Amino acid sequence: MTTGRELGLARCHDCGLTVRMPDAHDHDATLHCPRCDSEVHMRKQHSITRTWALLVAAYLMYIPANVLPVSTITYLGAGEPDTIMSGVILLFQHGDAPVALLLFFASIAVPMLKLVVMSWLAFTVQRRSRWKPRDRTVIYRLVEGIGRWSMLDIFVIALLVAMVQLQALATIHAGPGAVAFCAVVVLTMFAAESFDPRLMWDVLEEERR
C-alpha cells in the first residue's frame, strides 16, 4: 500500500489542500500552502515533545483539581466547600447513586484514564513500538472523542449558578479546584491535538523500504 508520505504529499491543516512536499521523508520539512499560505508539515512538528509537556502539566494540575474545593454553596449565610469526591459521596448518601457514578466517571475516572492512555501512546511512539498500530489508532480516536465529556462537573456548577436567582438566600461560588480541573481538561485536549497518530505507522513504513 502506497502512502501519501511515500509520494511526498501532505495535507494542509487549515484548508485541507493536498500539496507536494520538498522532502517526502523529512518530518520537519515545511512548505507554505499555495491556497491559504499557512505552513504545511509532513508530520506535526515536535509532536511527542509537546504532547509530553502538556501531559506532565495536566498530571500536576490533576492533584489540586481533586484536592481543592470545586464549589461553595452558601445558604442563609452558612455553607462549606465541596471537592469533586465529596460531591460524589454526598450524592451516594442521598440515594442518587446513578448521578454519583456519572459524576465520578466523568470528572475523576475519565480525565485520569485519558492521561494514562495518552502517556502510553506517546511512550509507544518514542519506543518505536510495532504493536498493532491500527488498534492504537482506534484507541487514540476514542480518547480524543470522550475528552469533551470530562467537563461534567464544571457544567453542573455553571447550571447551578445560572439557576440560583435568590441571591439573598443562596449563592454559589466556583472554587480553585474548578480552575485546576478546567486546566486538566484543556491540557489533555491540547495533548491529544498535539499527538500525531501517523507516527505510529511510520515505523512499519520505514521497514518496508
N, C-alpha and C. Protein backbone atom coordinates (compact mmCIF):
# COMPACT_ATOMS: atom_id res chain seq x y z
N MET A 1 0.84 -1.19 0.00
CA MET A 1 0.00 0.00 0.00
C MET A 1 0.88 1.24 0.00
N THR A 2 0.68 2.11 -0.98
CA THR A 2 1.46 3.33 -1.09
C THR A 2 0.84 4.41 -0.23
N THR A 3 1.67 5.11 0.55
CA THR A 3 1.18 6.17 1.43
C THR A 3 1.45 7.54 0.83
N GLY A 4 0.76 8.54 1.38
CA GLY A 4 0.97 9.91 0.94
C GLY A 4 2.39 10.38 1.21
N ARG A 5 2.95 9.91 2.31
CA ARG A 5 4.32 10.31 2.64
C ARG A 5 5.31 9.77 1.62
N GLU A 6 5.09 8.53 1.15
CA GLU A 6 5.97 7.96 0.14
C GLU A 6 5.88 8.72 -1.17
N LEU A 7 4.72 9.29 -1.45
CA LEU A 7 4.54 10.08 -2.67
C LEU A 7 4.94 11.54 -2.48
N GLY A 8 5.32 11.90 -1.23
CA GLY A 8 5.70 13.28 -0.96
C GLY A 8 4.53 14.22 -0.84
N LEU A 9 3.36 13.69 -0.46
CA LEU A 9 2.15 14.50 -0.35
C LEU A 9 1.79 14.73 1.10
N ALA A 10 1.36 15.94 1.41
CA ALA A 10 0.93 16.30 2.76
C ALA A 10 -0.33 17.13 2.66
N ARG A 11 -1.10 17.13 3.75
CA ARG A 11 -2.38 17.83 3.78
C ARG A 11 -2.27 19.08 4.64
N CYS A 12 -2.74 20.19 4.13
CA CYS A 12 -2.74 21.44 4.89
C CYS A 12 -3.72 21.31 6.06
N HIS A 13 -3.28 21.66 7.26
CA HIS A 13 -4.12 21.52 8.45
C HIS A 13 -5.22 22.57 8.50
N ASP A 14 -5.07 23.66 7.74
CA ASP A 14 -6.05 24.76 7.80
C ASP A 14 -7.13 24.65 6.73
N CYS A 15 -6.73 24.46 5.47
CA CYS A 15 -7.73 24.45 4.39
C CYS A 15 -7.94 23.07 3.78
N GLY A 16 -7.08 22.08 4.13
CA GLY A 16 -7.27 20.73 3.64
C GLY A 16 -6.67 20.44 2.28
N LEU A 17 -5.98 21.39 1.68
CA LEU A 17 -5.39 21.19 0.37
C LEU A 17 -4.22 20.21 0.46
N THR A 18 -4.14 19.28 -0.50
CA THR A 18 -3.02 18.34 -0.59
C THR A 18 -1.92 18.95 -1.43
N VAL A 19 -0.72 19.03 -0.86
CA VAL A 19 0.40 19.67 -1.54
C VAL A 19 1.59 18.70 -1.56
N ARG A 20 2.49 18.91 -2.50
CA ARG A 20 3.69 18.08 -2.59
C ARG A 20 4.81 18.72 -1.79
N MET A 21 5.41 17.94 -0.89
CA MET A 21 6.46 18.44 -0.02
C MET A 21 7.82 18.36 -0.72
N PRO A 22 8.76 19.23 -0.33
CA PRO A 22 10.08 19.21 -0.96
C PRO A 22 10.88 17.97 -0.60
N ASP A 23 10.68 17.42 0.61
CA ASP A 23 11.39 16.21 1.03
C ASP A 23 10.37 15.29 1.66
N ALA A 24 10.07 14.19 1.02
CA ALA A 24 9.00 13.30 1.47
C ALA A 24 9.33 12.60 2.78
N HIS A 25 10.60 12.47 3.12
CA HIS A 25 10.99 11.69 4.30
C HIS A 25 11.47 12.55 5.46
N ASP A 26 11.34 13.84 5.33
CA ASP A 26 11.77 14.75 6.40
C ASP A 26 10.55 15.19 7.20
N HIS A 27 10.47 14.75 8.48
CA HIS A 27 9.33 15.11 9.33
C HIS A 27 9.25 16.62 9.54
N ASP A 28 10.39 17.30 9.56
CA ASP A 28 10.41 18.74 9.83
C ASP A 28 10.35 19.58 8.56
N ALA A 29 10.23 18.93 7.41
CA ALA A 29 10.14 19.69 6.17
C ALA A 29 8.89 20.58 6.20
N THR A 30 9.05 21.80 5.73
CA THR A 30 7.95 22.75 5.78
C THR A 30 7.75 23.41 4.43
N LEU A 31 6.51 23.80 4.16
CA LEU A 31 6.16 24.44 2.91
C LEU A 31 4.93 25.29 3.17
N HIS A 32 4.79 26.39 2.46
CA HIS A 32 3.62 27.24 2.61
C HIS A 32 2.54 26.81 1.63
N CYS A 33 1.34 26.67 2.16
CA CYS A 33 0.21 26.23 1.35
C CYS A 33 -0.05 27.28 0.25
N PRO A 34 -0.16 26.85 -1.00
CA PRO A 34 -0.40 27.82 -2.08
C PRO A 34 -1.80 28.43 -2.03
N ARG A 35 -2.71 27.83 -1.24
CA ARG A 35 -4.07 28.37 -1.19
C ARG A 35 -4.28 29.31 -0.02
N CYS A 36 -3.86 28.92 1.20
CA CYS A 36 -4.12 29.76 2.38
C CYS A 36 -2.84 30.34 2.98
N ASP A 37 -1.66 29.95 2.45
CA ASP A 37 -0.35 30.48 2.86
C ASP A 37 0.06 30.06 4.29
N SER A 38 -0.62 29.06 4.86
CA SER A 38 -0.18 28.56 6.17
C SER A 38 0.90 27.51 5.97
N GLU A 39 1.67 27.25 7.04
CA GLU A 39 2.75 26.28 6.94
C GLU A 39 2.19 24.86 6.89
N VAL A 40 2.74 24.07 5.99
CA VAL A 40 2.34 22.67 5.84
C VAL A 40 3.51 21.79 6.24
N HIS A 41 3.25 20.80 7.08
CA HIS A 41 4.30 19.89 7.54
C HIS A 41 3.90 18.46 7.20
N MET A 42 4.92 17.63 6.93
CA MET A 42 4.65 16.22 6.68
C MET A 42 4.10 15.56 7.92
N ARG A 43 4.62 15.93 9.08
CA ARG A 43 4.12 15.48 10.38
C ARG A 43 4.07 16.68 11.32
N LYS A 44 3.27 16.62 12.34
CA LYS A 44 3.19 17.71 13.31
C LYS A 44 4.57 17.90 13.94
N GLN A 45 5.06 19.11 13.92
CA GLN A 45 6.40 19.39 14.42
C GLN A 45 6.49 19.18 15.93
N HIS A 46 7.55 18.46 16.35
CA HIS A 46 7.83 18.22 17.77
C HIS A 46 6.59 17.67 18.48
N SER A 47 5.92 16.76 17.83
CA SER A 47 4.65 16.24 18.34
C SER A 47 4.81 15.58 19.71
N ILE A 48 5.76 14.67 19.84
CA ILE A 48 5.92 13.92 21.09
C ILE A 48 6.40 14.84 22.21
N THR A 49 7.32 15.76 21.91
CA THR A 49 7.82 16.67 22.94
C THR A 49 6.70 17.53 23.50
N ARG A 50 5.89 18.11 22.62
CA ARG A 50 4.79 18.94 23.07
C ARG A 50 3.73 18.13 23.81
N THR A 51 3.48 16.92 23.32
CA THR A 51 2.49 16.06 23.99
C THR A 51 2.93 15.75 25.42
N TRP A 52 4.20 15.38 25.60
CA TRP A 52 4.69 15.08 26.94
C TRP A 52 4.65 16.30 27.85
N ALA A 53 5.00 17.47 27.32
CA ALA A 53 4.98 18.69 28.13
C ALA A 53 3.56 18.98 28.62
N LEU A 54 2.58 18.84 27.75
CA LEU A 54 1.18 19.09 28.13
C LEU A 54 0.67 18.03 29.10
N LEU A 55 1.09 16.78 28.92
CA LEU A 55 0.65 15.71 29.82
C LEU A 55 1.23 15.90 31.22
N VAL A 56 2.50 16.27 31.30
CA VAL A 56 3.11 16.50 32.62
C VAL A 56 2.40 17.64 33.34
N ALA A 57 2.10 18.71 32.61
CA ALA A 57 1.37 19.82 33.22
C ALA A 57 -0.02 19.39 33.68
N ALA A 58 -0.68 18.53 32.91
CA ALA A 58 -2.01 18.04 33.28
C ALA A 58 -1.94 17.16 34.53
N TYR A 59 -0.90 16.32 34.62
CA TYR A 59 -0.72 15.49 35.82
C TYR A 59 -0.55 16.37 37.06
N LEU A 60 0.22 17.44 36.93
CA LEU A 60 0.45 18.33 38.07
C LEU A 60 -0.84 19.04 38.49
N MET A 61 -1.67 19.41 37.52
CA MET A 61 -2.92 20.11 37.83
C MET A 61 -4.00 19.15 38.32
N TYR A 62 -3.84 17.86 38.05
CA TYR A 62 -4.85 16.88 38.46
C TYR A 62 -4.95 16.78 39.98
N ILE A 63 -3.84 16.98 40.67
CA ILE A 63 -3.83 16.88 42.14
C ILE A 63 -4.67 17.99 42.78
N PRO A 64 -4.38 19.27 42.51
CA PRO A 64 -5.24 20.31 43.11
C PRO A 64 -6.68 20.26 42.61
N ALA A 65 -6.90 19.72 41.40
CA ALA A 65 -8.26 19.63 40.88
C ALA A 65 -9.13 18.71 41.73
N ASN A 66 -8.50 17.71 42.37
CA ASN A 66 -9.26 16.77 43.19
C ASN A 66 -9.13 17.02 44.69
N VAL A 67 -8.18 17.86 45.08
CA VAL A 67 -7.97 18.14 46.50
C VAL A 67 -8.64 19.45 46.91
N LEU A 68 -8.54 20.46 46.07
CA LEU A 68 -9.11 21.77 46.39
C LEU A 68 -10.62 21.78 46.13
N PRO A 69 -11.35 22.65 46.84
CA PRO A 69 -12.81 22.72 46.64
C PRO A 69 -13.17 23.19 45.24
N VAL A 70 -14.18 22.55 44.67
CA VAL A 70 -14.65 22.91 43.34
C VAL A 70 -15.72 24.00 43.42
N SER A 71 -16.56 23.93 44.46
CA SER A 71 -17.63 24.93 44.60
C SER A 71 -17.97 25.09 46.08
N THR A 72 -18.59 26.23 46.39
CA THR A 72 -19.07 26.51 47.74
C THR A 72 -20.50 27.04 47.62
N ILE A 73 -21.44 26.33 48.23
CA ILE A 73 -22.84 26.74 48.22
C ILE A 73 -23.16 27.33 49.59
N THR A 74 -23.51 28.60 49.60
CA THR A 74 -23.86 29.29 50.84
C THR A 74 -25.36 29.50 50.89
N TYR A 75 -26.00 28.95 51.93
CA TYR A 75 -27.46 29.06 52.08
C TYR A 75 -27.77 29.68 53.44
N LEU A 76 -28.45 30.82 53.40
CA LEU A 76 -28.79 31.55 54.63
C LEU A 76 -27.54 31.84 55.46
N GLY A 77 -26.46 32.19 54.78
CA GLY A 77 -25.24 32.59 55.46
C GLY A 77 -24.35 31.45 55.88
N ALA A 78 -24.76 30.20 55.68
CA ALA A 78 -23.95 29.05 56.08
C ALA A 78 -23.63 28.20 54.87
N GLY A 79 -22.44 27.64 54.85
CA GLY A 79 -22.06 26.77 53.74
C GLY A 79 -20.64 26.27 53.92
N GLU A 80 -20.30 25.24 53.16
CA GLU A 80 -18.95 24.70 53.23
C GLU A 80 -18.52 24.29 51.82
N PRO A 81 -17.21 24.34 51.56
CA PRO A 81 -16.73 23.98 50.22
C PRO A 81 -16.82 22.49 49.96
N ASP A 82 -16.98 22.14 48.70
CA ASP A 82 -17.07 20.73 48.27
C ASP A 82 -16.04 20.45 47.19
N THR A 83 -15.35 19.33 47.34
CA THR A 83 -14.47 18.84 46.28
C THR A 83 -15.29 17.92 45.38
N ILE A 84 -14.68 17.45 44.31
CA ILE A 84 -15.39 16.54 43.40
C ILE A 84 -15.76 15.26 44.13
N MET A 85 -14.82 14.70 44.89
CA MET A 85 -15.09 13.44 45.59
C MET A 85 -16.12 13.62 46.69
N SER A 86 -16.08 14.74 47.39
CA SER A 86 -17.09 14.95 48.44
C SER A 86 -18.48 15.09 47.82
N GLY A 87 -18.54 15.66 46.62
CA GLY A 87 -19.82 15.73 45.94
C GLY A 87 -20.33 14.37 45.54
N VAL A 88 -19.42 13.49 45.11
CA VAL A 88 -19.81 12.12 44.77
C VAL A 88 -20.31 11.38 46.00
N ILE A 89 -19.61 11.53 47.12
CA ILE A 89 -20.02 10.86 48.36
C ILE A 89 -21.37 11.38 48.83
N LEU A 90 -21.55 12.70 48.73
CA LEU A 90 -22.82 13.30 49.16
C LEU A 90 -23.99 12.78 48.32
N LEU A 91 -23.79 12.63 47.03
CA LEU A 91 -24.84 12.09 46.18
C LEU A 91 -25.17 10.65 46.54
N PHE A 92 -24.14 9.86 46.87
CA PHE A 92 -24.38 8.48 47.30
C PHE A 92 -25.19 8.45 48.59
N GLN A 93 -24.84 9.33 49.52
CA GLN A 93 -25.55 9.36 50.80
C GLN A 93 -27.01 9.77 50.66
N HIS A 94 -27.33 10.55 49.63
CA HIS A 94 -28.70 10.98 49.40
C HIS A 94 -29.46 10.05 48.47
N GLY A 95 -28.84 8.90 48.13
CA GLY A 95 -29.52 7.91 47.32
C GLY A 95 -29.48 8.16 45.82
N ASP A 96 -28.65 9.08 45.38
CA ASP A 96 -28.53 9.36 43.94
C ASP A 96 -27.31 8.65 43.38
N ALA A 97 -27.32 7.32 43.49
CA ALA A 97 -26.16 6.54 43.05
C ALA A 97 -25.87 6.69 41.56
N PRO A 98 -26.87 6.66 40.66
CA PRO A 98 -26.56 6.81 39.22
C PRO A 98 -25.88 8.14 38.91
N VAL A 99 -26.38 9.23 39.52
CA VAL A 99 -25.77 10.54 39.28
C VAL A 99 -24.36 10.58 39.86
N ALA A 100 -24.19 9.96 41.04
CA ALA A 100 -22.87 9.93 41.67
C ALA A 100 -21.87 9.16 40.80
N LEU A 101 -22.30 8.02 40.26
CA LEU A 101 -21.41 7.25 39.40
C LEU A 101 -21.07 8.01 38.12
N LEU A 102 -22.06 8.70 37.56
CA LEU A 102 -21.81 9.50 36.36
C LEU A 102 -20.81 10.60 36.65
N LEU A 103 -20.98 11.28 37.78
CA LEU A 103 -20.05 12.34 38.16
C LEU A 103 -18.64 11.80 38.40
N PHE A 104 -18.56 10.62 39.05
CA PHE A 104 -17.26 10.01 39.33
C PHE A 104 -16.52 9.66 38.04
N PHE A 105 -17.22 9.00 37.11
CA PHE A 105 -16.56 8.59 35.88
C PHE A 105 -16.21 9.78 35.00
N ALA A 106 -17.11 10.77 34.92
CA ALA A 106 -16.87 11.91 34.03
C ALA A 106 -15.83 12.86 34.57
N SER A 107 -15.77 13.03 35.89
CA SER A 107 -14.91 14.06 36.47
C SER A 107 -13.63 13.52 37.11
N ILE A 108 -13.57 12.23 37.40
CA ILE A 108 -12.37 11.66 38.05
C ILE A 108 -11.75 10.56 37.19
N ALA A 109 -12.55 9.56 36.83
CA ALA A 109 -12.01 8.40 36.12
C ALA A 109 -11.61 8.75 34.68
N VAL A 110 -12.48 9.45 33.95
CA VAL A 110 -12.20 9.74 32.54
C VAL A 110 -10.96 10.61 32.36
N PRO A 111 -10.80 11.72 33.11
CA PRO A 111 -9.56 12.51 32.94
C PRO A 111 -8.30 11.70 33.23
N MET A 112 -8.32 10.89 34.30
CA MET A 112 -7.13 10.10 34.61
C MET A 112 -6.89 9.03 33.55
N LEU A 113 -7.97 8.39 33.08
CA LEU A 113 -7.83 7.39 32.03
C LEU A 113 -7.24 8.00 30.76
N LYS A 114 -7.71 9.19 30.43
CA LYS A 114 -7.20 9.87 29.24
C LYS A 114 -5.72 10.20 29.39
N LEU A 115 -5.32 10.66 30.58
CA LEU A 115 -3.91 10.96 30.82
C LEU A 115 -3.05 9.71 30.68
N VAL A 116 -3.50 8.61 31.26
CA VAL A 116 -2.73 7.36 31.22
C VAL A 116 -2.62 6.84 29.79
N VAL A 117 -3.73 6.85 29.06
CA VAL A 117 -3.72 6.32 27.70
C VAL A 117 -2.85 7.18 26.78
N MET A 118 -2.97 8.51 26.91
CA MET A 118 -2.15 9.39 26.08
C MET A 118 -0.66 9.21 26.41
N SER A 119 -0.35 9.00 27.68
CA SER A 119 1.04 8.76 28.08
C SER A 119 1.55 7.45 27.46
N TRP A 120 0.70 6.45 27.47
CA TRP A 120 1.07 5.15 26.88
C TRP A 120 1.29 5.27 25.38
N LEU A 121 0.42 6.00 24.69
CA LEU A 121 0.58 6.18 23.25
C LEU A 121 1.87 6.92 22.92
N ALA A 122 2.15 7.99 23.67
CA ALA A 122 3.38 8.74 23.44
C ALA A 122 4.60 7.88 23.72
N PHE A 123 4.52 7.04 24.75
CA PHE A 123 5.65 6.17 25.10
C PHE A 123 5.89 5.13 24.00
N THR A 124 4.82 4.54 23.46
CA THR A 124 4.99 3.54 22.41
C THR A 124 5.59 4.15 21.15
N VAL A 125 5.23 5.39 20.84
CA VAL A 125 5.82 6.04 19.67
C VAL A 125 7.30 6.32 19.91
N GLN A 126 7.64 6.77 21.12
CA GLN A 126 9.04 7.03 21.44
C GLN A 126 9.87 5.75 21.37
N ARG A 127 9.29 4.64 21.80
CA ARG A 127 9.99 3.35 21.78
C ARG A 127 9.93 2.68 20.41
N ARG A 128 9.30 3.36 19.45
CA ARG A 128 9.15 2.82 18.10
C ARG A 128 8.51 1.44 18.11
N SER A 129 7.45 1.33 18.87
CA SER A 129 6.73 0.06 19.01
C SER A 129 6.01 -0.28 17.71
N ARG A 130 6.00 -1.57 17.38
CA ARG A 130 5.29 -2.06 16.19
C ARG A 130 3.98 -2.74 16.57
N TRP A 131 3.59 -2.63 17.84
CA TRP A 131 2.41 -3.36 18.33
C TRP A 131 1.12 -2.74 17.80
N LYS A 132 0.43 -3.45 16.96
CA LYS A 132 -0.93 -3.17 16.50
C LYS A 132 -1.21 -1.67 16.31
N PRO A 133 -0.62 -1.04 15.32
CA PRO A 133 -0.87 0.39 15.12
C PRO A 133 -2.33 0.70 14.81
N ARG A 134 -3.05 -0.24 14.18
CA ARG A 134 -4.46 0.01 13.90
C ARG A 134 -5.26 0.11 15.20
N ASP A 135 -4.99 -0.82 16.14
CA ASP A 135 -5.69 -0.78 17.43
C ASP A 135 -5.34 0.48 18.21
N ARG A 136 -4.08 0.88 18.17
CA ARG A 136 -3.67 2.10 18.88
C ARG A 136 -4.32 3.34 18.26
N THR A 137 -4.50 3.32 16.94
CA THR A 137 -5.17 4.44 16.30
C THR A 137 -6.62 4.54 16.74
N VAL A 138 -7.30 3.39 16.86
CA VAL A 138 -8.69 3.38 17.33
C VAL A 138 -8.77 3.89 18.76
N ILE A 139 -7.82 3.45 19.60
CA ILE A 139 -7.79 3.91 20.99
C ILE A 139 -7.59 5.42 21.06
N TYR A 140 -6.71 5.93 20.21
CA TYR A 140 -6.48 7.37 20.18
C TYR A 140 -7.75 8.12 19.80
N ARG A 141 -8.48 7.63 18.81
CA ARG A 141 -9.72 8.29 18.40
C ARG A 141 -10.75 8.27 19.52
N LEU A 142 -10.83 7.16 20.26
CA LEU A 142 -11.77 7.09 21.38
C LEU A 142 -11.41 8.09 22.47
N VAL A 143 -10.11 8.16 22.80
CA VAL A 143 -9.67 9.09 23.83
C VAL A 143 -9.94 10.53 23.41
N GLU A 144 -9.69 10.83 22.15
CA GLU A 144 -9.92 12.18 21.65
C GLU A 144 -11.40 12.52 21.67
N GLY A 145 -12.26 11.51 21.42
CA GLY A 145 -13.69 11.76 21.36
C GLY A 145 -14.35 11.95 22.71
N ILE A 146 -13.87 11.23 23.75
CA ILE A 146 -14.52 11.30 25.06
C ILE A 146 -14.01 12.46 25.90
N GLY A 147 -13.01 13.17 25.43
CA GLY A 147 -12.44 14.25 26.23
C GLY A 147 -13.44 15.35 26.54
N ARG A 148 -14.36 15.60 25.63
CA ARG A 148 -15.32 16.69 25.84
C ARG A 148 -16.28 16.41 26.98
N TRP A 149 -16.45 15.12 27.35
CA TRP A 149 -17.39 14.76 28.43
C TRP A 149 -16.75 14.86 29.80
N SER A 150 -15.50 15.27 29.87
CA SER A 150 -14.81 15.39 31.15
C SER A 150 -15.18 16.65 31.91
N MET A 151 -15.95 17.53 31.32
CA MET A 151 -16.28 18.81 31.96
C MET A 151 -17.63 18.78 32.66
N LEU A 152 -18.16 17.59 32.95
CA LEU A 152 -19.49 17.49 33.53
C LEU A 152 -19.62 18.27 34.83
N ASP A 153 -18.65 18.14 35.70
CA ASP A 153 -18.72 18.81 36.99
C ASP A 153 -18.77 20.33 36.82
N ILE A 154 -17.99 20.86 35.89
CA ILE A 154 -17.99 22.29 35.63
C ILE A 154 -19.32 22.72 35.02
N PHE A 155 -19.89 21.89 34.17
CA PHE A 155 -21.20 22.20 33.59
C PHE A 155 -22.26 22.28 34.68
N VAL A 156 -22.19 21.36 35.64
CA VAL A 156 -23.17 21.37 36.74
C VAL A 156 -23.06 22.67 37.54
N ILE A 157 -21.83 23.08 37.85
CA ILE A 157 -21.64 24.33 38.60
C ILE A 157 -22.20 25.52 37.82
N ALA A 158 -21.90 25.56 36.53
CA ALA A 158 -22.38 26.67 35.70
C ALA A 158 -23.91 26.71 35.67
N LEU A 159 -24.55 25.54 35.56
CA LEU A 159 -26.01 25.49 35.54
C LEU A 159 -26.59 25.93 36.88
N LEU A 160 -25.97 25.49 37.97
CA LEU A 160 -26.48 25.87 39.29
C LEU A 160 -26.37 27.37 39.50
N VAL A 161 -25.24 27.95 39.09
CA VAL A 161 -25.07 29.40 39.25
C VAL A 161 -26.13 30.14 38.44
N ALA A 162 -26.44 29.64 37.24
CA ALA A 162 -27.43 30.31 36.40
C ALA A 162 -28.84 30.14 36.95
N MET A 163 -29.11 29.02 37.64
CA MET A 163 -30.46 28.75 38.12
C MET A 163 -30.77 29.44 39.45
N VAL A 164 -29.74 29.69 40.24
CA VAL A 164 -29.98 30.31 41.55
C VAL A 164 -30.28 31.80 41.34
N GLN A 165 -31.49 32.20 41.59
CA GLN A 165 -31.91 33.58 41.37
C GLN A 165 -32.02 34.35 42.70
N LEU A 166 -32.29 33.64 43.81
CA LEU A 166 -32.49 34.31 45.10
C LEU A 166 -31.14 34.52 45.77
N GLN A 167 -30.43 35.54 45.33
CA GLN A 167 -29.10 35.78 45.85
C GLN A 167 -29.11 36.09 47.35
N ALA A 168 -30.23 36.58 47.88
CA ALA A 168 -30.29 36.88 49.31
C ALA A 168 -30.33 35.61 50.14
N LEU A 169 -30.79 34.50 49.55
CA LEU A 169 -30.91 33.25 50.29
C LEU A 169 -29.76 32.29 50.02
N ALA A 170 -29.36 32.21 48.79
CA ALA A 170 -28.32 31.23 48.44
C ALA A 170 -27.39 31.80 47.37
N THR A 171 -26.12 31.48 47.47
CA THR A 171 -25.13 31.87 46.47
C THR A 171 -24.21 30.68 46.22
N ILE A 172 -23.72 30.60 45.02
CA ILE A 172 -22.81 29.52 44.62
C ILE A 172 -21.56 30.15 44.02
N HIS A 173 -20.42 29.75 44.54
CA HIS A 173 -19.14 30.27 44.06
C HIS A 173 -18.26 29.10 43.61
N ALA A 174 -17.65 29.26 42.45
CA ALA A 174 -16.68 28.27 41.99
C ALA A 174 -15.39 28.40 42.80
N GLY A 175 -14.81 27.27 43.16
CA GLY A 175 -13.59 27.26 43.95
C GLY A 175 -12.35 27.09 43.09
N PRO A 176 -11.18 27.13 43.71
CA PRO A 176 -9.93 26.97 42.95
C PRO A 176 -9.80 25.61 42.30
N GLY A 177 -10.48 24.60 42.88
CA GLY A 177 -10.44 23.27 42.27
C GLY A 177 -11.07 23.26 40.89
N ALA A 178 -12.08 24.10 40.69
CA ALA A 178 -12.73 24.18 39.38
C ALA A 178 -11.77 24.71 38.32
N VAL A 179 -10.96 25.69 38.71
CA VAL A 179 -9.97 26.25 37.78
C VAL A 179 -8.93 25.19 37.42
N ALA A 180 -8.46 24.46 38.44
CA ALA A 180 -7.47 23.41 38.19
C ALA A 180 -8.06 22.29 37.33
N PHE A 181 -9.34 21.97 37.58
CA PHE A 181 -9.98 20.91 36.81
C PHE A 181 -10.14 21.32 35.35
N CYS A 182 -10.53 22.56 35.12
CA CYS A 182 -10.62 23.07 33.74
C CYS A 182 -9.26 23.01 33.06
N ALA A 183 -8.21 23.32 33.82
CA ALA A 183 -6.86 23.28 33.26
C ALA A 183 -6.49 21.85 32.86
N VAL A 184 -6.87 20.86 33.68
CA VAL A 184 -6.59 19.47 33.34
C VAL A 184 -7.26 19.08 32.03
N VAL A 185 -8.54 19.42 31.91
CA VAL A 185 -9.29 19.05 30.71
C VAL A 185 -8.72 19.73 29.47
N VAL A 186 -8.42 21.02 29.59
CA VAL A 186 -7.89 21.77 28.45
C VAL A 186 -6.51 21.25 28.06
N LEU A 187 -5.66 20.97 29.05
CA LEU A 187 -4.32 20.47 28.76
C LEU A 187 -4.35 19.10 28.09
N THR A 188 -5.25 18.23 28.54
CA THR A 188 -5.35 16.90 27.91
C THR A 188 -5.92 17.01 26.50
N MET A 189 -6.82 17.95 26.28
CA MET A 189 -7.34 18.16 24.93
C MET A 189 -6.23 18.66 24.01
N PHE A 190 -5.41 19.58 24.50
CA PHE A 190 -4.28 20.07 23.71
C PHE A 190 -3.26 18.96 23.46
N ALA A 191 -3.05 18.09 24.48
CA ALA A 191 -2.12 16.98 24.31
C ALA A 191 -2.60 16.02 23.23
N ALA A 192 -3.90 15.73 23.22
CA ALA A 192 -4.45 14.86 22.18
C ALA A 192 -4.35 15.50 20.81
N GLU A 193 -4.50 16.82 20.77
CA GLU A 193 -4.38 17.53 19.49
C GLU A 193 -2.94 17.58 19.02
N SER A 194 -1.99 17.70 19.95
CA SER A 194 -0.57 17.76 19.58
C SER A 194 -0.03 16.41 19.12
N PHE A 195 -0.62 15.34 19.62
CA PHE A 195 -0.14 14.00 19.27
C PHE A 195 -0.49 13.69 17.81
N ASP A 196 0.47 13.18 17.08
CA ASP A 196 0.27 12.82 15.67
C ASP A 196 0.19 11.31 15.55
N PRO A 197 -1.01 10.73 15.36
CA PRO A 197 -1.15 9.27 15.30
C PRO A 197 -0.45 8.65 14.10
N ARG A 198 -0.12 9.45 13.09
CA ARG A 198 0.57 8.91 11.92
C ARG A 198 1.97 8.42 12.27
N LEU A 199 2.53 8.94 13.37
CA LEU A 199 3.86 8.49 13.79
C LEU A 199 3.86 7.01 14.15
N MET A 200 2.71 6.48 14.55
CA MET A 200 2.64 5.06 14.91
C MET A 200 2.83 4.16 13.68
N TRP A 201 2.52 4.70 12.52
CA TRP A 201 2.63 3.91 11.28
C TRP A 201 3.96 4.09 10.58
N ASP A 202 4.70 5.13 10.95
CA ASP A 202 5.95 5.42 10.25
C ASP A 202 6.98 4.31 10.42
N VAL A 203 6.96 3.63 11.58
CA VAL A 203 7.93 2.55 11.82
C VAL A 203 7.71 1.43 10.82
N LEU A 204 6.46 1.05 10.60
CA LEU A 204 6.17 -0.02 9.64
C LEU A 204 6.52 0.42 8.22
N GLU A 205 6.30 1.68 7.92
CA GLU A 205 6.61 2.18 6.58
C GLU A 205 8.11 2.15 6.33
N GLU A 206 8.88 2.50 7.36
CA GLU A 206 10.33 2.51 7.20
C GLU A 206 10.89 1.09 7.03
N GLU A 207 10.21 0.10 7.63
CA GLU A 207 10.68 -1.28 7.49
C GLU A 207 10.47 -1.83 6.08
N ARG A 208 9.50 -1.26 5.37
CA ARG A 208 9.20 -1.75 4.02
C ARG A 208 10.14 -1.21 2.96
N ARG A 209 10.96 -0.23 3.34
CA ARG A 209 11.86 0.35 2.35
C ARG A 209 13.06 -0.57 2.10
